[in-house]
Amino acid sequence: MAYRNKKVLAIVLAGGEGKRLMPLTADRAKPAVPFAGSYRLIDFALSNLANSGYLQIVVLTQYKSHSLDRHVSETWRLSTLLGNYIASVPAQQRVGKSWFLGSANAIYQSLNLIFDSQPDIVVVVGADHVYRMDFEQMVRSHVESGARASVAAVRQPLEMANQFGVIEVADPNAEGHAANRIAAFVEKPSSTPGLAADPTQFLASMGNYVFDTDALLEALHYDAERLDTKHDMGGDIVPYFVNRGEAYVYDFTTNDIPGATDRDRTYWRDVGTIDSYYDAHMDLISPMPVFNLYNSQWPIFTRQSNSPPAKIVRGRENTVGTALDSVLASGVVISGGIVEHSVLGNDVFIGTGARVIGSVLMDKVAIGEGAVVKRAILDKNVRVPAGATIGLDPELDRRRGFTITDSGLTVLSKGQVVPPPSAEEMELAHETIASVPEAVRTAASMSPEDLDKVAASQVAGAKSVLGQSAR
């Protein structure tokens, strides 16, 4: 096929400052923010490109890039025997004395990378979204349509139009690829028409693009000479192609991922705010998750921790330790505490009698005995003293300098100090600890007869599943 003969260079835009993710981005670039216990946000973009077969990748970085550069260099090491590489490239002031002025300017200042690679096609992707996507399918659509620029789009509810770049097609009833020609690309409009196929939805830009190399170079040079530009890929480069009738949309719903389920096939999350970042974590922890990390046919790669396996044990005084509907990374130790609906990063420790409810704890967080953390995000190395509370009293959290979002989430930055609790705070912790989760309460109160019923139910369920498999 013609598209398979095209040489492809992938550019990952990873220079974002991530102001809306503060304080998680106080000490790191947005794409370096940890996610799902074991990963960093950039791992999703890089895994999608690698799984798509595109193994010549440059990562453009700028703000507070040390941890991001280190993660890319230590994790994403490819064999150079066949010319494969993933290279982290910082802003270098190759064109004038300014740093990157926008996403388009970042590529313009890095044109030497394109000249060195001499690709036919340039794939440009963001580094801060959670999703799975086969970019080879998008490149195939791009080549077959004759587009000079293709924009990946995900369907979103109409009420969210003011949060995205909105794509409107010229004639949805046209034949073939002509139905995907973009008529308008508008950044965050107050309203937009619904799709012909579903009037309650619109097409939102995913921040992923495919360009013919010569067309992209022409557009970047034109943008660099303009004075009325923000040098943005979505706001300036895409409209350039739209005005010339050369931009086409690629509908993400047509992307077929091996091993995907109907539930997570079109999953895509922009985790640009604290609340969306938290919600994306909550998507992971149900028995049938909205986004399935366990799809081995399209794995998300990352640097694996050298920590030992997670461990859940009894604590002092024979206190039961357990985790309900949670994700636990390597090295986690739950010693007589209870964790519910939470995501725990590497080497997290939960002490005797402690409770963690609906929270995200990053690497090496320690929760002291009898402490309570509820609806909170704790960055690396936070130590919660015994008997302390986080997320139970918003006014107390504000007085201690913690970040509180509009939705009531409490966020602590990397290594932020939690002061020892007062007597009143310890009493508040005790009240929460006394409320035992229903699943634990039920198990603890079961009579031998009840346990026999549960066992019988489990056996019946297993026989039913085995019987269906046999048929």
Protein backbone atom coordinates (compact mmCIF):
# COMPACT_ATOMS: atom_id res chain seq x y z
CA MET A 1 0.00 0.00 0.00
CA ALA A 2 1.16 3.53 -0.80
CA TYR A 3 1.02 4.75 2.78
CA ARG A 4 3.36 1.98 3.95
CA ASN A 5 6.08 3.31 1.65
CA LYS A 6 6.01 6.72 3.31
CA LYS A 7 8.79 7.62 5.72
CA VAL A 8 7.29 9.01 8.92
CA LEU A 9 8.81 11.24 11.59
CA ALA A 10 6.83 11.70 14.80
CA ILE A 11 7.10 14.91 16.82
CA VAL A 12 5.78 14.93 20.39
CA LEU A 13 4.97 18.38 21.76
CA ALA A 14 6.02 18.13 25.40
CA GLY A 15 6.92 21.69 26.31
CA GLY A 16 3.65 22.57 28.03
CA GLU A 17 3.83 24.42 31.34
CA GLY A 18 0.57 22.97 32.67
CA LYS A 19 -0.56 25.92 34.80
CA ARG A 20 -4.01 24.40 35.35
CA LEU A 21 -2.39 21.31 36.88
CA MET A 22 -0.65 23.27 39.61
CA PRO A 23 0.67 22.34 42.13
CA LEU A 24 1.47 19.02 40.39
CA THR A 25 3.46 20.97 37.78
CA ALA A 26 5.27 23.19 40.28
CA ASP A 27 8.42 21.09 39.91
CA ARG A 28 7.94 19.28 36.59
CA ALA A 29 6.61 19.67 33.06
CA LYS A 30 3.01 18.63 32.46
CA PRO A 31 3.89 15.53 30.37
CA ALA A 32 6.09 14.30 33.26
CA VAL A 33 3.23 14.25 35.77
CA PRO A 34 2.81 10.70 37.16
CA PHE A 35 -0.36 8.82 36.24
CA ALA A 36 -2.04 5.55 37.27
CA GLY A 37 0.56 4.62 39.84
CA SER A 38 3.32 3.52 37.45
CA TYR A 39 3.25 5.80 34.42
CA ARG A 40 3.87 9.37 33.33
CA LEU A 41 1.48 11.17 30.99
CA ILE A 42 3.96 11.15 28.10
CA ASP A 43 4.03 7.34 28.16
CA PHE A 44 0.62 7.22 26.48
CA ALA A 45 1.68 9.27 23.45
CA LEU A 46 4.98 7.40 23.09
CA SER A 47 3.34 3.98 23.54
CA ASN A 48 0.74 4.77 20.88
CA LEU A 49 3.44 5.80 18.41
CA ALA A 50 5.61 2.77 19.19
CA ASN A 51 2.66 0.35 18.94
CA SER A 52 1.78 2.00 15.60
CA GLY A 53 5.24 1.11 14.29
CA TYR A 54 6.61 4.66 14.27
CA LEU A 55 10.00 4.46 15.94
CA GLN A 56 11.70 7.66 14.84
CA ILE A 57 10.41 10.13 17.41
CA VAL A 58 11.59 13.48 18.74
CA VAL A 59 10.19 14.96 21.96
CA LEU A 60 10.28 18.77 22.10
CA THR A 61 10.66 19.99 25.68
CA GLN A 62 10.97 23.37 27.38
CA TYR A 63 9.51 24.09 30.84
CA LYS A 64 11.10 22.38 33.90
CA SER A 65 12.08 19.48 31.70
CA HIS A 66 14.67 17.70 33.86
CA SER A 67 12.45 14.87 35.15
CA LEU A 68 10.83 14.52 31.72
CA ASP A 69 14.18 14.33 29.93
CA ARG A 70 15.44 11.81 32.48
CA HIS A 71 12.33 9.65 32.11
CA VAL A 72 12.59 9.61 28.30
CA SER A 73 16.32 8.85 28.30
CA GLU A 74 16.10 6.12 30.96
CA THR A 75 12.87 4.49 29.76
CA TRP A 76 12.54 4.95 26.03
CA ARG A 77 15.79 3.50 24.73
CA LEU A 78 15.39 1.88 21.31
CA SER A 79 17.86 -0.12 19.30
CA THR A 80 19.67 2.10 16.80
CA LEU A 81 20.54 -0.86 14.56
CA LEU A 82 17.56 -0.12 12.30
CA GLY A 83 17.67 3.64 12.79
CA ASN A 84 15.13 3.78 15.60
CA TYR A 85 15.30 6.49 18.24
CA ILE A 86 13.29 8.54 20.72
CA ALA A 87 15.21 11.75 21.37
CA SER A 88 14.36 14.46 23.87
CA VAL A 89 15.17 17.85 22.31
CA PRO A 90 15.12 21.01 24.46
CA ALA A 91 14.50 24.55 23.24
CA GLN A 92 17.79 25.73 21.70
CA GLN A 93 17.12 29.24 20.32
CA ARG A 94 18.09 28.08 16.86
CA VAL A 95 16.01 30.89 15.31
CA GLY A 96 16.65 34.16 17.10
CA LYS A 97 16.96 34.63 20.85
CA SER A 98 13.44 33.66 21.89
CA TRP A 99 12.31 30.41 23.49
CA PHE A 100 9.38 28.49 22.02
CA LEU A 101 6.55 30.99 21.45
CA GLY A 102 3.90 28.33 20.83
CA SER A 103 3.53 24.77 19.58
CA ALA A 104 4.00 25.76 15.94
CA ASN A 105 7.04 27.87 16.80
CA ALA A 106 8.49 24.90 18.70
CA ILE A 107 8.49 22.88 15.48
CA TYR A 108 9.69 25.88 13.45
CA GLN A 109 12.68 26.31 15.75
CA SER A 110 13.40 22.59 15.39
CA LEU A 111 13.23 22.29 11.61
CA ASN A 112 16.73 20.84 11.61
CA LEU A 113 15.18 17.63 12.95
CA ILE A 114 12.91 17.40 9.90
CA PHE A 115 15.74 18.27 7.50
CA ASP A 116 17.95 15.59 9.06
CA SER A 117 15.25 12.89 8.91
CA GLN A 118 13.80 13.85 5.50
CA PRO A 119 10.40 12.25 6.12
CA ASP A 120 7.49 12.15 3.67
CA ILE A 121 4.97 12.47 6.52
CA VAL A 122 5.19 14.26 9.87
CA VAL A 123 2.96 13.06 12.70
CA VAL A 124 2.54 15.66 15.46
CA VAL A 125 1.01 14.62 18.79
CA GLY A 126 0.46 16.11 22.23
CA ALA A 127 1.97 14.56 25.33
CA ASP A 128 -0.68 15.02 27.97
CA HIS A 129 -3.72 12.95 27.03
CA VAL A 130 -4.80 9.48 28.16
CA TYR A 131 -5.97 7.22 25.31
CA ARG A 132 -5.01 4.48 22.86
CA MET A 133 -4.70 5.20 19.16
CA ASP A 134 -3.18 3.50 16.10
CA PHE A 135 -1.56 6.34 14.18
CA GLU A 136 -0.85 4.12 11.19
CA GLN A 137 -4.59 4.05 10.50
CA MET A 138 -4.69 7.85 10.60
CA VAL A 139 -1.69 8.10 8.25
CA ARG A 140 -3.39 5.68 5.85
CA SER A 141 -6.55 7.81 5.87
CA HIS A 142 -4.44 10.93 5.32
CA VAL A 143 -2.66 9.50 2.29
CA GLU A 144 -5.79 7.99 0.74
CA SER A 145 -7.79 11.21 1.15
CA GLY A 146 -5.18 13.37 -0.58
CA ALA A 147 -5.19 15.75 2.39
CA ARG A 148 -2.23 17.97 3.08
CA ALA A 149 -3.16 18.14 6.76
CA SER A 150 -5.28 15.77 8.84
CA VAL A 151 -6.67 16.49 12.30
CA ALA A 152 -7.73 13.71 14.68
CA ALA A 153 -11.07 14.39 16.34
CA VAL A 154 -13.00 12.80 19.18
CA ARG A 155 -16.75 13.15 19.67
CA GLN A 156 -17.76 15.19 22.71
CA PRO A 157 -21.09 16.44 24.15
CA LEU A 158 -22.25 19.79 22.77
CA GLU A 159 -22.09 21.48 26.17
CA MET A 160 -18.29 20.99 26.17
CA ALA A 161 -17.72 22.93 22.93
CA ASN A 162 -16.22 25.90 24.80
CA GLN A 163 -13.41 23.68 26.10
CA PHE A 164 -11.99 22.42 22.79
CA GLY A 165 -11.00 23.29 19.27
CA VAL A 166 -14.18 22.52 17.29
CA ILE A 167 -14.16 20.98 13.81
CA GLU A 168 -16.99 21.47 11.33
CA VAL A 169 -17.00 19.51 8.07
CA ALA A 170 -18.03 20.99 4.75
CA ASP A 171 -20.49 18.31 3.59
CA PRO A 172 -21.08 15.31 5.86
CA ASN A 173 -23.20 13.70 3.10
CA ALA A 174 -20.47 13.80 0.47
CA GLU A 175 -19.01 10.59 -0.93
CA GLY A 176 -15.90 8.96 0.53
CA HIS A 177 -13.16 11.10 2.03
CA ALA A 178 -14.81 14.29 0.75
CA ALA A 179 -17.20 14.02 3.69
CA ASN A 180 -14.24 14.66 5.98
CA ARG A 181 -13.00 17.91 4.47
CA ILE A 182 -12.89 20.57 7.19
CA ALA A 183 -14.92 23.72 6.55
CA ALA A 184 -14.17 25.49 9.83
CA PHE A 185 -11.86 25.07 12.82
CA VAL A 186 -12.82 27.26 15.77
CA GLU A 187 -11.06 27.43 19.13
CA LYS A 188 -13.44 27.09 22.10
CA PRO A 189 -16.62 28.65 20.65
CA SER A 190 -19.63 29.41 22.85
CA SER A 191 -21.73 27.06 20.70
CA THR A 192 -21.49 24.86 17.61
CA PRO A 193 -23.87 22.80 15.45
CA GLY A 194 -24.26 19.13 16.36
CA LEU A 195 -23.19 16.31 14.08
CA ALA A 196 -25.59 15.09 11.43
CA ALA A 197 -25.18 11.54 12.75
CA ASP A 198 -25.69 12.65 16.37
CA PRO A 199 -26.97 16.21 17.02
CA THR A 200 -25.94 15.98 20.70
CA GLN A 201 -22.21 15.73 19.84
CA PHE A 202 -19.51 17.67 18.01
CA LEU A 203 -16.00 16.87 16.77
CA ALA A 204 -13.28 18.10 19.13
CA SER A 205 -9.64 18.30 18.11
CA MET A 206 -7.45 15.78 19.94
CA GLY A 207 -4.29 17.78 19.31
CA ASN A 208 -2.95 15.06 16.98
CA TYR A 209 -2.07 15.91 13.39
CA VAL A 210 -0.64 14.34 10.22
CA PHE A 211 1.03 16.53 7.58
CA ASP A 212 2.71 16.13 4.25
CA THR A 213 6.20 17.36 5.07
CA ASP A 214 6.47 19.95 2.32
CA ALA A 215 3.06 21.37 3.22
CA LEU A 216 3.97 21.64 6.90
CA LEU A 217 7.24 23.42 6.11
CA GLU A 218 5.42 25.91 3.94
CA ALA A 219 2.83 26.58 6.65
CA LEU A 220 5.45 27.00 9.38
CA HIS A 221 7.47 29.49 7.34
CA TYR A 222 4.31 31.47 6.55
CA ASP A 223 3.33 31.51 10.22
CA ALA A 224 6.80 32.64 11.30
CA GLU A 225 6.55 35.71 9.07
CA ARG A 226 3.15 36.80 10.37
CA LEU A 227 2.68 39.33 13.15
CA ASP A 228 -0.96 38.42 13.93
CA THR A 229 -0.31 34.89 15.16
CA LYS A 230 0.08 32.97 18.41
CA HIS A 231 2.25 30.40 16.63
CA ASP A 232 -0.14 27.64 17.68
CA MET A 233 -0.73 24.39 15.81
CA GLY A 234 -4.47 24.36 16.46
CA GLY A 235 -5.11 28.08 16.40
CA ASP A 236 -2.93 29.06 13.42
CA ILE A 237 -1.51 26.14 11.40
CA VAL A 238 -4.73 24.11 11.08
CA PRO A 239 -6.80 27.19 9.98
CA TYR A 240 -4.10 27.86 7.35
CA PHE A 241 -4.88 24.50 5.74
CA VAL A 242 -8.64 24.85 6.29
CA ASN A 243 -8.68 28.14 4.36
CA ARG A 244 -6.92 26.41 1.47
CA GLY A 245 -9.37 23.48 1.47
CA GLU A 246 -6.53 21.07 2.28
CA ALA A 247 -7.46 19.96 5.82
CA TYR A 248 -9.41 16.79 6.57
CA VAL A 249 -10.68 15.34 9.82
CA TYR A 250 -9.91 11.85 11.06
CA ASP A 251 -12.76 10.54 13.21
CA PHE A 252 -11.29 8.76 16.23
CA THR A 253 -14.32 6.46 16.43
CA THR A 254 -13.07 4.67 13.31
CA ASN A 255 -9.74 3.79 14.96
CA ASP A 256 -9.56 0.07 15.72
CA ILE A 257 -7.25 -0.99 18.56
CA PRO A 258 -6.42 -4.69 19.11
CA GLY A 259 -7.77 -5.93 22.40
CA ALA A 260 -10.04 -2.89 22.92
CA THR A 261 -13.48 -3.36 24.43
CA ASP A 262 -16.67 -1.56 23.48
CA ARG A 263 -16.37 0.23 26.81
CA ASP A 264 -12.93 1.76 26.25
CA ARG A 265 -12.54 1.70 22.46
CA THR A 266 -13.00 5.46 22.04
CA TYR A 267 -11.73 6.55 25.45
CA TRP A 268 -9.82 9.84 25.40
CA ARG A 269 -9.15 12.13 28.34
CA ASP A 270 -7.67 15.60 28.33
CA VAL A 271 -6.13 15.72 31.81
CA GLY A 272 -5.32 19.41 31.69
CA THR A 273 -6.98 20.28 35.00
CA ILE A 274 -6.75 18.83 38.50
CA ASP A 275 -10.36 17.65 38.37
CA SER A 276 -10.00 15.95 34.97
CA TYR A 277 -6.73 14.37 36.15
CA TYR A 278 -8.51 12.98 39.21
CA ASP A 279 -11.52 11.80 37.16
CA ALA A 280 -9.20 9.95 34.76
CA HIS A 281 -7.80 8.02 37.73
CA MET A 282 -11.27 7.14 38.94
CA ASP A 283 -11.96 5.74 35.45
CA LEU A 284 -9.36 3.03 36.13
CA ILE A 285 -10.62 1.38 39.30
CA SER A 286 -14.00 -0.16 38.57
CA PRO A 287 -14.26 -3.93 37.94
CA MET A 288 -15.03 -3.07 34.30
CA PRO A 289 -12.94 0.11 33.92
CA VAL A 290 -13.80 2.84 31.45
CA PHE A 291 -10.14 2.74 30.43
CA ASN A 292 -8.45 -0.66 30.61
CA LEU A 293 -4.75 -0.58 31.48
CA TYR A 294 -4.58 -4.35 31.10
CA ASN A 295 -4.86 -4.58 27.30
CA SER A 296 -1.73 -6.61 26.53
CA GLN A 297 -2.32 -6.34 22.79
CA TRP A 298 -1.68 -2.58 22.89
CA PRO A 299 0.48 -2.12 26.01
CA ILE A 300 1.32 1.18 27.65
CA PHE A 301 5.07 1.09 28.23
CA THR A 302 6.95 2.78 31.05
CA ARG A 303 9.99 2.43 33.28
CA GLN A 304 9.35 -0.46 35.63
CA SER A 305 10.16 0.09 39.29
CA ASN A 306 12.69 -2.17 40.98
CA SER A 307 10.49 -2.24 44.06
CA PRO A 308 9.15 -5.56 45.41
CA PRO A 309 5.52 -6.65 44.82
CA ALA A 310 2.69 -4.90 46.62
CA LYS A 311 1.79 -6.38 49.99
CA ILE A 312 -1.37 -6.22 52.12
CA VAL A 313 -0.90 -7.48 55.68
CA ARG A 314 -2.35 -7.18 59.14
CA GLY A 315 -1.06 -4.33 61.28
CA ARG A 316 -0.48 -3.91 64.98
CA GLU A 317 -3.12 -5.38 67.28
CA ASN A 318 -4.01 -7.72 64.38
CA THR A 319 -5.72 -4.85 62.53
CA VAL A 320 -7.01 -5.97 59.13
CA GLY A 321 -5.36 -4.48 56.06
CA THR A 322 -7.31 -4.43 52.80
CA ALA A 323 -7.80 -2.62 49.50
CA LEU A 324 -11.16 -2.32 47.76
CA ASP A 325 -11.56 -1.30 44.08
CA SER A 326 -8.07 0.18 43.93
CA VAL A 327 -4.91 0.15 41.82
CA LEU A 328 -1.66 -0.63 43.66
CA ALA A 329 1.77 -0.15 42.12
CA SER A 330 4.95 -2.03 43.03
CA GLY A 331 6.30 -1.65 46.53
CA VAL A 332 2.98 -0.66 48.13
CA VAL A 333 2.58 -1.87 51.71
CA ILE A 334 -0.82 -1.71 53.39
CA SER A 335 -0.13 -2.67 56.98
CA GLY A 336 -3.45 -2.83 58.79
CA GLY A 337 -4.99 0.10 56.92
CA ILE A 338 -7.95 0.25 54.56
CA VAL A 339 -7.76 1.66 51.03
CA GLU A 340 -10.93 2.29 49.00
CA HIS A 341 -11.42 3.51 45.42
CA SER A 342 -7.88 4.84 45.18
CA VAL A 343 -4.71 4.69 43.07
CA LEU A 344 -1.41 4.17 44.91
CA GLY A 345 1.99 4.78 43.30
CA ASN A 346 5.26 2.96 43.89
CA ASP A 347 6.44 2.40 47.48
CA VAL A 348 3.42 3.94 49.20
CA PHE A 349 2.97 2.93 52.84
CA ILE A 350 -0.37 2.80 54.68
CA GLY A 351 -0.10 2.40 58.45
CA THR A 352 -2.28 0.57 60.98
CA GLY A 353 -5.82 1.90 61.22
CA ALA A 354 -5.28 4.47 58.45
CA ARG A 355 -7.95 5.10 55.82
CA VAL A 356 -7.45 6.23 52.21
CA ILE A 357 -10.71 6.95 50.38
CA GLY A 358 -11.12 8.07 46.74
CA SER A 359 -7.57 9.40 46.50
CA VAL A 360 -4.46 9.39 44.32
CA LEU A 361 -1.15 8.88 46.14
CA MET A 362 2.08 9.21 44.19
CA ASP A 363 5.41 7.48 44.83
CA LYS A 364 6.74 7.16 48.39
CA VAL A 365 3.79 8.75 50.13
CA ALA A 366 3.44 7.52 53.72
CA ILE A 367 0.16 7.59 55.64
CA GLY A 368 0.70 7.33 59.39
CA GLU A 369 -1.28 5.18 61.79
CA GLY A 370 -4.87 6.28 62.25
CA ALA A 371 -4.59 9.04 59.62
CA VAL A 372 -7.35 9.66 57.06
CA VAL A 373 -7.03 10.88 53.46
CA LYS A 374 -10.23 11.45 51.48
CA ARG A 375 -10.71 12.80 47.93
CA ALA A 376 -7.16 14.03 47.74
CA ILE A 377 -4.13 13.96 45.46
CA LEU A 378 -0.80 13.68 47.27
CA ASP A 379 2.34 14.22 45.22
CA LYS A 380 5.57 12.33 45.85
CA ASN A 381 7.21 12.07 49.26
CA VAL A 382 4.32 13.52 51.28
CA ARG A 383 4.28 12.24 54.87
CA VAL A 384 0.94 12.33 56.69
CA PRO A 385 1.47 12.11 60.47
CA ALA A 386 -0.38 9.62 62.62
CA GLY A 387 -3.92 10.78 63.39
CA ALA A 388 -3.88 13.61 60.82
CA THR A 389 -6.63 14.23 58.25
CA ILE A 390 -6.59 15.46 54.66
CA GLY A 391 -9.77 16.16 52.74
CA LEU A 392 -12.18 16.03 55.68
CA ASP A 393 -12.15 19.72 56.70
CA PRO A 394 -11.66 22.17 53.77
CA GLU A 395 -11.07 25.16 56.05
CA LEU A 396 -8.38 23.31 57.97
CA ASP A 397 -6.76 22.25 54.70
CA ARG A 398 -6.74 25.85 53.42
CA ARG A 399 -5.17 27.14 56.64
CA ARG A 400 -2.37 24.61 56.19
CA GLY A 401 -1.66 25.89 52.68
CA PHE A 402 -3.12 22.95 50.75
CA THR A 403 -4.74 23.50 47.34
CA ILE A 404 -8.53 23.05 47.24
CA THR A 405 -10.29 22.81 43.87
CA ASP A 406 -13.80 24.08 43.15
CA SER A 407 -15.06 20.50 43.31
CA GLY A 408 -13.56 20.02 46.78
CA LEU A 409 -10.44 18.02 45.95
CA THR A 410 -7.46 18.58 48.23
CA VAL A 411 -4.04 18.61 46.56
CA LEU A 412 -0.59 18.55 48.15
CA SER A 413 2.56 19.33 46.20
CA LYS A 414 5.72 17.24 46.14
CA GLY A 415 7.08 16.82 49.66
CA GLN A 416 4.63 19.31 51.15
CA VAL A 417 4.74 19.21 54.95
CA VAL A 418 1.66 18.11 56.89
CA PRO A 419 1.82 19.44 60.48
CA PRO A 420 1.07 17.20 63.47
CA PRO A 421 -2.67 16.97 64.19
CA SER A 422 -4.49 18.73 66.99
CA ALA A 423 -6.74 16.84 69.40
CA GLU A 424 -9.81 17.99 67.44
CA GLU A 425 -8.31 16.77 64.17
CA MET A 426 -7.48 13.39 65.67
CA GLU A 427 -11.07 13.07 66.89
CA LEU A 428 -12.28 13.80 63.34
CA ALA A 429 -9.99 11.04 62.06
CA HIS A 430 -11.34 8.60 64.63
CA GLU A 431 -14.94 9.31 63.55
CA THR A 432 -14.09 8.46 59.94
CA ILE A 433 -12.11 5.34 60.85
CA ALA A 434 -15.07 4.09 62.87
CA SER A 435 -17.13 3.97 59.68
CA VAL A 436 -16.03 0.59 58.34
CA PRO A 437 -16.58 -0.04 54.59
CA GLU A 438 -19.71 -2.09 53.90
CA ALA A 439 -17.75 -4.89 52.20
CA VAL A 440 -15.49 -5.29 55.23
CA ARG A 441 -18.39 -5.01 57.68
CA THR A 442 -20.32 -7.69 55.81
CA ALA A 443 -17.36 -10.09 55.69
CA ALA A 444 -16.55 -9.60 59.38
CA SER A 445 -20.12 -10.24 60.55
CA MET A 446 -20.78 -13.38 58.55
CA SER A 447 -21.87 -16.48 60.37
CA PRO A 448 -20.62 -19.91 59.23
CA GLU A 449 -23.97 -20.38 57.48
CA ASP A 450 -23.55 -17.07 55.61
CA LEU A 451 -20.05 -18.03 54.57
CA ASP A 452 -21.37 -21.33 53.23
CA LYS A 453 -23.93 -19.39 51.17
CA VAL A 454 -21.22 -17.14 49.73
CA ALA A 455 -19.09 -20.15 48.86
CA ALA A 456 -22.04 -21.86 47.19
CA SER A 457 -22.78 -18.70 45.21
CA GLN A 458 -19.16 -18.51 44.04
CA VAL A 459 -19.23 -22.13 42.93
CA ALA A 460 -22.54 -21.64 41.12
CA GLY A 461 -21.18 -18.60 39.32
CA ALA A 462 -18.07 -20.47 38.28
CA LYS A 463 -20.12 -23.42 36.99
CA SER A 464 -22.34 -21.04 35.03
CA VAL A 465 -19.36 -19.40 33.33
CA LEU A 466 -17.76 -22.77 32.59
CA GLY A 467 -21.03 -24.07 31.21
CA GLN A 468 -21.33 -21.08 28.84
CA SER A 469 -17.74 -21.58 27.71
CA ALA A 470 -18.44 -25.27 26.99
CA ARG A 471 -21.41 -24.33 24.83
